[in-house]
């Protein structure tokens, strides 16, 4: 086990794919989303739109994760499943880098 990361299953409905991704526990959820978006753009050969605002949701209960929360402060653990969805026009206004 990697102590500073958790292995998470990320469902991406717009690509109809699921990816296993290591999330750094000391990063904000918003930074993790940026990392995922960047990776998905490469993996999809540019078809994934990184300019849209995305939200990470808990797959079990449908609750969105706070973009300013550190991964370790959330309920994301090894084996967790999350969903990455387009979150609308003004979603990034809430995220503080």
PDB file of N, CA and C in Angstrom:
ATOM      1  N   UNK A   1       0.846  -1.191   0.000  1.00  0.00           N
ATOM      2  CA  UNK A   1       0.000   0.000   0.000  1.00  0.00           C
ATOM      3  C   UNK A   1       0.886   1.247   0.000  1.00  0.00           C
ATOM      4  N   UNK A   2       0.488   2.231  -0.745  1.00  0.00           N
ATOM      5  CA  UNK A   2       1.184   3.507  -0.775  1.00  0.00           C
ATOM      6  C   UNK A   2       0.526   4.394   0.280  1.00  0.00           C
ATOM      7  N   UNK A   3       1.300   4.843   1.263  1.00  0.00           N
ATOM      8  CA  UNK A   3       0.725   5.544   2.411  1.00  0.00           C
ATOM      9  C   UNK A   3       0.187   6.930   2.105  1.00  0.00           C
ATOM     10  N   UNK A   4       0.746   7.619   1.121  1.00  0.00           N
ATOM     11  CA  UNK A   4       0.300   8.980   0.854  1.00  0.00           C
ATOM     12  C   UNK A   4      -0.672   9.066  -0.319  1.00  0.00           C
ATOM     13  N   UNK A   5      -1.174   7.897  -0.769  1.00  0.00           N
ATOM     14  CA  UNK A   5      -2.128   7.864  -1.882  1.00  0.00           C
ATOM     15  C   UNK A   5      -3.175   6.793  -1.617  1.00  0.00           C
ATOM     16  N   UNK A   6      -4.348   6.983  -2.217  1.00  0.00           N
ATOM     17  CA  UNK A   6      -5.393   5.974  -2.152  1.00  0.00           C
ATOM     18  C   UNK A   6      -5.785   5.601  -3.581  1.00  0.00           C
ATOM     19  N   UNK A   7      -6.075   4.325  -3.792  1.00  0.00           N
ATOM     20  CA  UNK A   7      -6.479   3.842  -5.105  1.00  0.00           C
ATOM     21  C   UNK A   7      -7.997   3.933  -5.214  1.00  0.00           C
ATOM     22  N   UNK A   8      -8.464   4.700  -6.205  1.00  0.00           N
ATOM     23  CA  UNK A   8      -9.884   5.009  -6.356  1.00  0.00           C
ATOM     24  C   UNK A   8     -10.338   4.634  -7.760  1.00  0.00           C
ATOM     25  N   UNK A   9     -11.548   4.102  -7.864  1.00  0.00           N
ATOM     26  CA  UNK A   9     -12.159   3.806  -9.152  1.00  0.00           C
ATOM     27  C   UNK A   9     -12.926   5.057  -9.603  1.00  0.00           C
ATOM     28  N   UNK A  10     -12.525   5.621 -10.747  1.00  0.00           N
ATOM     29  CA  UNK A  10     -13.137   6.850 -11.266  1.00  0.00           C
ATOM     30  C   UNK A  10     -13.985   6.491 -12.483  1.00  0.00           C
ATOM     31  N   UNK A  11     -15.291   6.669 -12.365  1.00  0.00           N
ATOM     32  CA  UNK A  11     -16.213   6.438 -13.472  1.00  0.00           C
ATOM     33  C   UNK A  11     -16.373   7.729 -14.251  1.00  0.00           C
ATOM     34  N   UNK A  12     -16.225   7.660 -15.570  1.00  0.00           N
ATOM     35  CA  UNK A  12     -16.340   8.836 -16.434  1.00  0.00           C
ATOM     36  C   UNK A  12     -17.423   8.537 -17.482  1.00  0.00           C
ATOM     37  N   UNK A  13     -18.693   8.849 -17.159  1.00  0.00           N
ATOM     38  CA  UNK A  13     -19.799   8.501 -18.057  1.00  0.00           C
ATOM     39  C   UNK A  13     -19.677   9.086 -19.465  1.00  0.00           C
ATOM     40  N   UNK A  14     -19.130  10.298 -19.589  1.00  0.00           N
ATOM     41  CA  UNK A  14     -19.051  10.905 -20.918  1.00  0.00           C
ATOM     42  C   UNK A  14     -18.094  10.172 -21.849  1.00  0.00           C
ATOM     43  N   UNK A  15     -17.186   9.374 -21.278  1.00  0.00           N
ATOM     44  CA  UNK A  15     -16.282   8.548 -22.077  1.00  0.00           C
ATOM     45  C   UNK A  15     -16.692   7.068 -22.046  1.00  0.00           C
ATOM     46  N   UNK A  16     -17.713   6.776 -21.219  1.00  0.00           N
ATOM     47  CA  UNK A  16     -18.175   5.405 -21.008  1.00  0.00           C
ATOM     48  C   UNK A  16     -17.021   4.496 -20.580  1.00  0.00           C
ATOM     49  N   UNK A  17     -16.210   5.017 -19.634  1.00  0.00           N
ATOM     50  CA  UNK A  17     -15.047   4.273 -19.158  1.00  0.00           C
ATOM     51  C   UNK A  17     -14.897   4.429 -17.656  1.00  0.00           C
ATOM     52  N   UNK A  18     -14.123   3.507 -17.091  1.00  0.00           N
ATOM     53  CA  UNK A  18     -13.782   3.545 -15.672  1.00  0.00           C
ATOM     54  C   UNK A  18     -12.269   3.393 -15.571  1.00  0.00           C
ATOM     55  N   UNK A  19     -11.649   4.178 -14.685  1.00  0.00           N
ATOM     56  CA  UNK A  19     -10.204   4.159 -14.511  1.00  0.00           C
ATOM     57  C   UNK A  19      -9.876   3.991 -13.037  1.00  0.00           C
ATOM     58  N   UNK A  20      -8.814   3.252 -12.749  1.00  0.00           N
ATOM     59  CA  UNK A  20      -8.284   3.175 -11.395  1.00  0.00           C
ATOM     60  C   UNK A  20      -7.180   4.216 -11.280  1.00  0.00           C
ATOM     61  N   UNK A  21      -7.328   5.116 -10.312  1.00  0.00           N
ATOM     62  CA  UNK A  21      -6.432   6.264 -10.186  1.00  0.00           C
ATOM     63  C   UNK A  21      -5.963   6.382  -8.740  1.00  0.00           C
ATOM     64  N   UNK A  22      -4.688   6.675  -8.564  1.00  0.00           N
ATOM     65  CA  UNK A  22      -4.166   6.985  -7.234  1.00  0.00           C
ATOM     66  C   UNK A  22      -4.396   8.470  -6.948  1.00  0.00           C
ATOM     67  N   UNK A  23      -5.074   8.747  -5.839  1.00  0.00           N
ATOM     68  CA  UNK A  23      -5.297  10.125  -5.395  1.00  0.00           C
ATOM     69  C   UNK A  23      -4.297  10.438  -4.283  1.00  0.00           C
ATOM     70  N   UNK A  24      -3.524  11.522  -4.414  1.00  0.00           N
ATOM     71  CA  UNK A  24      -2.663  11.947  -3.304  1.00  0.00           C
ATOM     72  C   UNK A  24      -3.542  12.438  -2.143  1.00  0.00           C
ATOM     73  N   UNK A  25      -3.317  11.938  -0.951  1.00  0.00           N
ATOM     74  CA  UNK A  25      -4.184  12.275   0.175  1.00  0.00           C
ATOM     75  C   UNK A  25      -3.989  13.708   0.675  1.00  0.00           C
ATOM     76  N   UNK A  26      -2.881  14.345   0.324  1.00  0.00           N
ATOM     77  CA  UNK A  26      -2.609  15.707   0.787  1.00  0.00           C
ATOM     78  C   UNK A  26      -2.963  16.771  -0.253  1.00  0.00           C
ATOM     79  N   UNK A  27      -3.736  16.406  -1.259  1.00  0.00           N
ATOM     80  CA  UNK A  27      -4.175  17.357  -2.289  1.00  0.00           C
ATOM     81  C   UNK A  27      -5.657  17.650  -2.123  1.00  0.00           C
ATOM     82  N   UNK A  28      -6.046  18.851  -2.517  1.00  0.00           N
ATOM     83  CA  UNK A  28      -7.461  19.197  -2.521  1.00  0.00           C
ATOM     84  C   UNK A  28      -8.177  18.436  -3.634  1.00  0.00           C
ATOM     85  N   UNK A  29      -9.439  18.154  -3.404  1.00  0.00           N
ATOM     86  CA  UNK A  29     -10.259  17.462  -4.405  1.00  0.00           C
ATOM     87  C   UNK A  29     -10.203  18.210  -5.737  1.00  0.00           C
ATOM     88  N   UNK A  30     -10.238  19.531  -5.697  1.00  0.00           N
ATOM     89  CA  UNK A  30     -10.169  20.324  -6.926  1.00  0.00           C
ATOM     90  C   UNK A  30      -8.889  20.094  -7.704  1.00  0.00           C
ATOM     91  N   UNK A  31      -7.769  19.940  -6.995  1.00  0.00           N
ATOM     92  CA  UNK A  31      -6.503  19.641  -7.666  1.00  0.00           C
ATOM     93  C   UNK A  31      -6.502  18.231  -8.248  1.00  0.00           C
ATOM     94  N   UNK A  32      -7.136  17.310  -7.560  1.00  0.00           N
ATOM     95  CA  UNK A  32      -7.245  15.942  -8.067  1.00  0.00           C
ATOM     96  C   UNK A  32      -8.075  15.941  -9.348  1.00  0.00           C
ATOM     97  N   UNK A  33      -9.152  16.712  -9.380  1.00  0.00           N
ATOM     98  CA  UNK A  33      -9.980  16.818 -10.585  1.00  0.00           C
ATOM     99  C   UNK A  33      -9.147  17.362 -11.744  1.00  0.00           C
ATOM    100  N   UNK A  34      -8.331  18.372 -11.483  1.00  0.00           N
ATOM    101  CA  UNK A  34      -7.459  18.911 -12.537  1.00  0.00           C
ATOM    102  C   UNK A  34      -6.516  17.839 -13.066  1.00  0.00           C
ATOM    103  N   UNK A  35      -5.960  17.036 -12.169  1.00  0.00           N
ATOM    104  CA  UNK A  35      -5.059  15.954 -12.550  1.00  0.00           C
ATOM    105  C   UNK A  35      -5.798  14.925 -13.418  1.00  0.00           C
ATOM    106  N   UNK A  36      -7.001  14.557 -12.998  1.00  0.00           N
ATOM    107  CA  UNK A  36      -7.799  13.588 -13.751  1.00  0.00           C
ATOM    108  C   UNK A  36      -8.144  14.141 -15.132  1.00  0.00           C
ATOM    109  N   UNK A  37      -8.569  15.401 -15.183  1.00  0.00           N
ATOM    110  CA  UNK A  37      -8.923  16.018 -16.464  1.00  0.00           C
ATOM    111  C   UNK A  37      -7.749  15.995 -17.436  1.00  0.00           C
ATOM    112  N   UNK A  38      -6.587  16.323 -16.952  1.00  0.00           N
ATOM    113  CA  UNK A  38      -5.389  16.339 -17.789  1.00  0.00           C
ATOM    114  C   UNK A  38      -5.081  14.942 -18.321  1.00  0.00           C
ATOM    115  N   UNK A  39      -5.169  13.950 -17.459  1.00  0.00           N
ATOM    116  CA  UNK A  39      -4.917  12.569 -17.876  1.00  0.00           C
ATOM    117  C   UNK A  39      -5.949  12.088 -18.886  1.00  0.00           C
ATOM    118  N   UNK A  40      -7.218  12.449 -18.646  1.00  0.00           N
ATOM    119  CA  UNK A  40      -8.279  12.010 -19.555  1.00  0.00           C
ATOM    120  C   UNK A  40      -8.150  12.636 -20.938  1.00  0.00           C
ATOM    121  N   UNK A  41      -7.659  13.852 -20.995  1.00  0.00           N
ATOM    122  CA  UNK A  41      -7.467  14.476 -22.303  1.00  0.00           C
ATOM    123  C   UNK A  41      -6.435  13.697 -23.114  1.00  0.00           C
ATOM    124  N   UNK A  42      -5.375  13.268 -22.457  1.00  0.00           N
ATOM    125  CA  UNK A  42      -4.335  12.486 -23.138  1.00  0.00           C
ATOM    126  C   UNK A  42      -4.878  11.108 -23.525  1.00  0.00           C
ATOM    127  N   UNK A  43      -5.520  10.431 -22.568  1.00  0.00           N
ATOM    128  CA  UNK A  43      -6.030   9.079 -22.822  1.00  0.00           C
ATOM    129  C   UNK A  43      -7.108   9.045 -23.906  1.00  0.00           C
ATOM    130  N   UNK A  44      -7.874  10.133 -24.013  1.00  0.00           N
ATOM    131  CA  UNK A  44      -8.952  10.182 -25.012  1.00  0.00           C
ATOM    132  C   UNK A  44      -8.490  10.795 -26.323  1.00  0.00           C
ATOM    133  N   UNK A  45      -7.197  11.053 -26.437  1.00  0.00           N
ATOM    134  CA  UNK A  45      -6.605  11.664 -27.626  1.00  0.00           C
ATOM    135  C   UNK A  45      -7.269  13.003 -27.961  1.00  0.00           C
ATOM    136  N   UNK A  46      -7.530  13.779 -26.918  1.00  0.00           N
ATOM    137  CA  UNK A  46      -8.050  15.131 -27.086  1.00  0.00           C
ATOM    138  C   UNK A  46      -9.554  15.256 -27.143  1.00  0.00           C
ATOM    139  N   UNK A  47     -10.300  14.156 -27.080  1.00  0.00           N
ATOM    140  CA  UNK A  47     -11.756  14.262 -27.187  1.00  0.00           C
ATOM    141  C   UNK A  47     -12.426  14.665 -25.875  1.00  0.00           C
ATOM    142  N   UNK A  48     -11.710  14.558 -24.748  1.00  0.00           N
ATOM    143  CA  UNK A  48     -12.251  14.966 -23.454  1.00  0.00           C
ATOM    144  C   UNK A  48     -12.047  16.464 -23.294  1.00  0.00           C
ATOM    145  N   UNK A  49     -13.122  17.195 -23.035  1.00  0.00           N
ATOM    146  CA  UNK A  49     -13.076  18.656 -22.935  1.00  0.00           C
ATOM    147  C   UNK A  49     -12.617  19.090 -21.543  1.00  0.00           C
ATOM    148  N   UNK A  50     -11.367  19.511 -21.430  1.00  0.00           N
ATOM    149  CA  UNK A  50     -10.816  19.935 -20.139  1.00  0.00           C
ATOM    150  C   UNK A  50     -11.273  21.338 -19.746  1.00  0.00           C
ATOM    151  N   UNK A  51     -11.893  22.067 -20.661  1.00  0.00           N
ATOM    152  CA  UNK A  51     -12.316  23.426 -20.366  1.00  0.00           C
ATOM    153  C   UNK A  51     -13.647  23.487 -19.626  1.00  0.00           C
ATOM    154  N   UNK A  52     -14.350  22.374 -19.557  1.00  0.00           N
ATOM    155  CA  UNK A  52     -15.603  22.337 -18.799  1.00  0.00           C
ATOM    156  C   UNK A  52     -15.285  22.180 -17.316  1.00  0.00           C
ATOM    157  N   UNK A  53     -16.242  22.554 -16.499  1.00  0.00           N
ATOM    158  CA  UNK A  53     -16.112  22.414 -15.052  1.00  0.00           C
ATOM    159  C   UNK A  53     -16.681  21.067 -14.638  1.00  0.00           C
ATOM    160  N   UNK A  54     -15.904  20.291 -13.916  1.00  0.00           N
ATOM    161  CA  UNK A  54     -16.322  18.966 -13.496  1.00  0.00           C
ATOM    162  C   UNK A  54     -16.415  18.879 -11.983  1.00  0.00           C
ATOM    163  N   UNK A  55     -17.276  17.970 -11.531  1.00  0.00           N
ATOM    164  CA  UNK A  55     -17.474  17.726 -10.108  1.00  0.00           C
ATOM    165  C   UNK A  55     -17.269  16.240  -9.866  1.00  0.00           C
ATOM    166  N   UNK A  56     -16.662  15.918  -8.742  1.00  0.00           N
ATOM    167  CA  UNK A  56     -16.462  14.533  -8.338  1.00  0.00           C
ATOM    168  C   UNK A  56     -17.562  14.161  -7.349  1.00  0.00           C
ATOM    169  N   UNK A  57     -18.249  13.049  -7.622  1.00  0.00           N
ATOM    170  CA  UNK A  57     -19.355  12.599  -6.775  1.00  0.00           C
ATOM    171  C   UNK A  57     -19.038  11.246  -6.156  1.00  0.00           C
ATOM    172  N   UNK A  58     -19.523  11.040  -4.951  1.00  0.00           N
ATOM    173  CA  UNK A  58     -19.442   9.745  -4.296  1.00  0.00           C
ATOM    174  C   UNK A  58     -20.415   8.818  -5.022  1.00  0.00           C
ATOM    175  N   UNK A  59     -19.934   7.706  -5.540  1.00  0.00           N
ATOM    176  CA  UNK A  59     -20.796   6.802  -6.298  1.00  0.00           C
ATOM    177  C   UNK A  59     -21.844   6.139  -5.412  1.00  0.00           C
ATOM    178  N   UNK A  60     -21.524   5.928  -4.156  1.00  0.00           N
ATOM    179  CA  UNK A  60     -22.449   5.254  -3.246  1.00  0.00           C
ATOM    180  C   UNK A  60     -23.658   6.066  -2.854  1.00  0.00           C
ATOM    181  N   UNK A  61     -23.443   7.365  -2.579  1.00  0.00           N
ATOM    182  CA  UNK A  61     -24.568   8.177  -2.098  1.00  0.00           C
ATOM    183  C   UNK A  61     -24.897   9.371  -2.997  1.00  0.00           C
ATOM    184  N   UNK A  62     -24.124   9.582  -4.059  1.00  0.00           N
ATOM    185  CA  UNK A  62     -24.413  10.659  -4.999  1.00  0.00           C
ATOM    186  C   UNK A  62     -24.039  12.051  -4.534  1.00  0.00           C
ATOM    187  N   UNK A  63     -23.424  12.161  -3.371  1.00  0.00           N
ATOM    188  CA  UNK A  63     -23.046  13.470  -2.835  1.00  0.00           C
ATOM    189  C   UNK A  63     -21.799  13.998  -3.533  1.00  0.00           C
ATOM    190  N   UNK A  64     -21.783  15.299  -3.861  1.00  0.00           N
ATOM    191  CA  UNK A  64     -20.576  15.889  -4.457  1.00  0.00           C
ATOM    192  C   UNK A  64     -19.507  16.099  -3.382  1.00  0.00           C
ATOM    193  N   UNK A  65     -18.261  16.004  -3.800  1.00  0.00           N
ATOM    194  CA  UNK A  65     -17.154  16.288  -2.891  1.00  0.00           C
ATOM    195  C   UNK A  65     -16.828  17.774  -2.947  1.00  0.00           C
ATOM    196  N   UNK A  66     -16.516  18.330  -1.797  1.00  0.00           N
ATOM    197  CA  UNK A  66     -16.110  19.728  -1.678  1.00  0.00           C
ATOM    198  C   UNK A  66     -14.746  19.878  -2.334  1.00  0.00           C
ATOM    199  N   UNK A  67     -14.661  20.761  -3.307  1.00  0.00           N
ATOM    200  CA  UNK A  67     -13.425  20.930  -4.075  1.00  0.00           C
ATOM    201  C   UNK A  67     -12.277  21.490  -3.243  1.00  0.00           C
ATOM    202  N   UNK A  68     -12.582  22.108  -2.118  1.00  0.00           N
ATOM    203  CA  UNK A  68     -11.545  22.690  -1.266  1.00  0.00           C
ATOM    204  C   UNK A  68     -11.092  21.751  -0.153  1.00  0.00           C
ATOM    205  N   UNK A  69     -11.701  20.583  -0.064  1.00  0.00           N
ATOM    206  CA  UNK A  69     -11.365  19.611   0.969  1.00  0.00           C
ATOM    207  C   UNK A  69     -10.180  18.759   0.524  1.00  0.00           C
ATOM    208  N   UNK A  70      -9.287  18.474   1.453  1.00  0.00           N
ATOM    209  CA  UNK A  70      -8.201  17.548   1.166  1.00  0.00           C
ATOM    210  C   UNK A  70      -8.773  16.137   1.047  1.00  0.00           C
ATOM    211  N   UNK A  71      -8.167  15.324   0.217  1.00  0.00           N
ATOM    212  CA  UNK A  71      -8.632  13.947   0.042  1.00  0.00           C
ATOM    213  C   UNK A  71      -8.670  13.231   1.385  1.00  0.00           C
ATOM    214  N   UNK A  72      -7.661  13.411   2.210  1.00  0.00           N
ATOM    215  CA  UNK A  72      -7.612  12.712   3.506  1.00  0.00           C
ATOM    216  C   UNK A  72      -8.733  13.146   4.453  1.00  0.00           C
ATOM    217  N   UNK A  73      -9.299  14.331   4.233  1.00  0.00           N
ATOM    218  CA  UNK A  73     -10.401  14.828   5.067  1.00  0.00           C
ATOM    219  C   UNK A  73     -11.762  14.336   4.576  1.00  0.00           C
ATOM    220  N   UNK A  74     -11.779  13.731   3.409  1.00  0.00           N
ATOM    221  CA  UNK A  74     -13.036  13.237   2.836  1.00  0.00           C
ATOM    222  C   UNK A  74     -13.230  11.771   3.230  1.00  0.00           C
ATOM    223  N   UNK A  75     -14.290  11.173   2.703  1.00  0.00           N
ATOM    224  CA  UNK A  75     -14.514   9.745   2.962  1.00  0.00           C
ATOM    225  C   UNK A  75     -13.928   8.879   1.848  1.00  0.00           C
ATOM    226  N   UNK A  76     -13.052   9.433   1.029  1.00  0.00           N
ATOM    227  CA  UNK A  76     -12.387   8.676  -0.029  1.00  0.00           C
ATOM    228  C   UNK A  76     -11.275   7.834   0.595  1.00  0.00           C
ATOM    229  N   UNK A  77     -11.382   6.517   0.362  1.00  0.00           N
ATOM    230  CA  UNK A  77     -10.413   5.561   0.888  1.00  0.00           C
ATOM    231  C   UNK A  77     -10.022   4.604  -0.228  1.00  0.00           C
ATOM    232  N   UNK A  78      -9.032   3.759   0.021  1.00  0.00           N
ATOM    233  CA  UNK A  78      -8.672   2.727  -0.948  1.00  0.00           C
ATOM    234  C   UNK A  78      -9.924   1.929  -1.303  1.00  0.00           C
ATOM    235  N   UNK A  79     -10.159   1.763  -2.602  1.00  0.00           N
ATOM    236  CA  UNK A  79     -11.311   1.004  -3.072  1.00  0.00           C
ATOM    237  C   UNK A  79     -12.571   1.823  -3.266  1.00  0.00           C
ATOM    238  N   UNK A  80     -12.537   3.118  -2.937  1.00  0.00           N
ATOM    239  CA  UNK A  80     -13.710   3.966  -3.140  1.00  0.00           C
ATOM    240  C   UNK A  80     -14.023   4.096  -4.629  1.00  0.00           C
ATOM    241  N   UNK A  81     -15.297   4.350  -4.933  1.00  0.00           N
ATOM    242  CA  UNK A  81     -15.728   4.616  -6.302  1.00  0.00           C
ATOM    243  C   UNK A  81     -16.316   6.013  -6.370  1.00  0.00           C
ATOM    244  N   UNK A  82     -15.885   6.769  -7.376  1.00  0.00           N
ATOM    245  CA  UNK A  82     -16.383   8.125  -7.580  1.00  0.00           C
ATOM    246  C   UNK A  82     -16.810   8.281  -9.034  1.00  0.00           C
ATOM    247  N   UNK A  83     -17.592   9.313  -9.291  1.00  0.00           N
ATOM    248  CA  UNK A  83     -18.054   9.612 -10.643  1.00  0.00           C
ATOM    249  C   UNK A  83     -17.635  11.040 -10.977  1.00  0.00           C
ATOM    250  N   UNK A  84     -17.063  11.233 -12.148  1.00  0.00           N
ATOM    251  CA  UNK A  84     -16.678  12.558 -12.624  1.00  0.00           C
ATOM    252  C   UNK A  84     -17.721  13.011 -13.639  1.00  0.00           C
ATOM    253  N   UNK A  85     -18.432  14.091 -13.308  1.00  0.00           N
ATOM    254  CA  UNK A  85     -19.487  14.624 -14.178  1.00  0.00           C
ATOM    255  C   UNK A  85     -19.279  16.099 -14.416  1.00  0.00           C
ATOM    256  N   UNK A  86     -19.811  16.568 -15.544  1.00  0.00           N
ATOM    257  CA  UNK A  86     -19.801  17.994 -15.834  1.00  0.00           C
ATOM    258  C   UNK A  86     -20.665  18.685 -14.796  1.00  0.00           C
ATOM    259  N   UNK A  87     -20.134  19.758 -14.198  1.00  0.00           N
ATOM    260  CA  UNK A  87     -20.807  20.399 -13.074  1.00  0.00           C
ATOM    261  C   UNK A  87     -21.437  21.732 -13.368  1.00  0.00           C
ATOM    262  N   UNK A  88     -21.523  22.161 -14.625  1.00  0.00           N
ATOM    263  CA  UNK A  88     -22.141  23.433 -14.937  1.00  0.00           C
ATOM    264  C   UNK A  88     -21.130  24.528 -15.195  1.00  0.00           C
ATOM    265  N   UNK A  89     -21.632  25.722 -15.384  1.00  0.00           N
ATOM    266  CA  UNK A  89     -20.809  26.841 -15.823  1.00  0.00           C
ATOM    267  C   UNK A  89     -19.942  27.454 -14.734  1.00  0.00           C
ATOM    268  N   UNK A  90     -20.447  27.579 -13.510  1.00  0.00           N
ATOM    269  CA  UNK A  90     -19.751  28.366 -12.497  1.00  0.00           C
ATOM    270  C   UNK A  90     -19.133  27.534 -11.391  1.00  0.00           C
ATOM    271  N   UNK A  91     -18.948  26.256 -11.620  1.00  0.00           N
ATOM    272  CA  UNK A  91     -18.472  25.373 -10.567  1.00  0.00           C
ATOM    273  C   UNK A  91     -17.112  25.767 -10.021  1.00  0.00           C
ATOM    274  N   UNK A  92     -16.176  26.194 -10.860  1.00  0.00           N
ATOM    275  CA  UNK A  92     -14.824  26.491 -10.381  1.00  0.00           C
ATOM    276  C   UNK A  92     -14.760  27.738  -9.505  1.00  0.00           C
ATOM    277  N   UNK A  93     -15.818  28.552  -9.488  1.00  0.00           N
ATOM    278  CA  UNK A  93     -15.805  29.733  -8.625  1.00  0.00           C
ATOM    279  C   UNK A  93     -15.688  29.338  -7.152  1.00  0.00           C
ATOM    280  N   UNK A  94     -16.134  28.125  -6.806  1.00  0.00           N
ATOM    281  CA  UNK A  94     -16.091  27.687  -5.429  1.00  0.00           C
ATOM    282  C   UNK A  94     -14.729  27.139  -5.035  1.00  0.00           C
ATOM    283  N   UNK A  95     -13.908  26.794  -6.005  1.00  0.00           N
ATOM    284  CA  UNK A  95     -12.625  26.149  -5.710  1.00  0.00           C
ATOM    285  C   UNK A  95     -11.544  27.179  -5.493  1.00  0.00           C
ATOM    286  N   UNK A  96     -10.863  27.077  -4.367  1.00  0.00           N
ATOM    287  CA  UNK A  96      -9.773  27.992  -4.063  1.00  0.00           C
ATOM    288  C   UNK A  96      -8.463  27.258  -4.241  1.00  0.00           C
ATOM    289  N   UNK A  97      -7.633  27.679  -5.172  1.00  0.00           N
ATOM    290  CA  UNK A  97      -6.376  26.992  -5.470  1.00  0.00           C
ATOM    291  C   UNK A  97      -5.344  27.235  -4.404  1.00  0.00           C
TER     292      UNK A  97
END
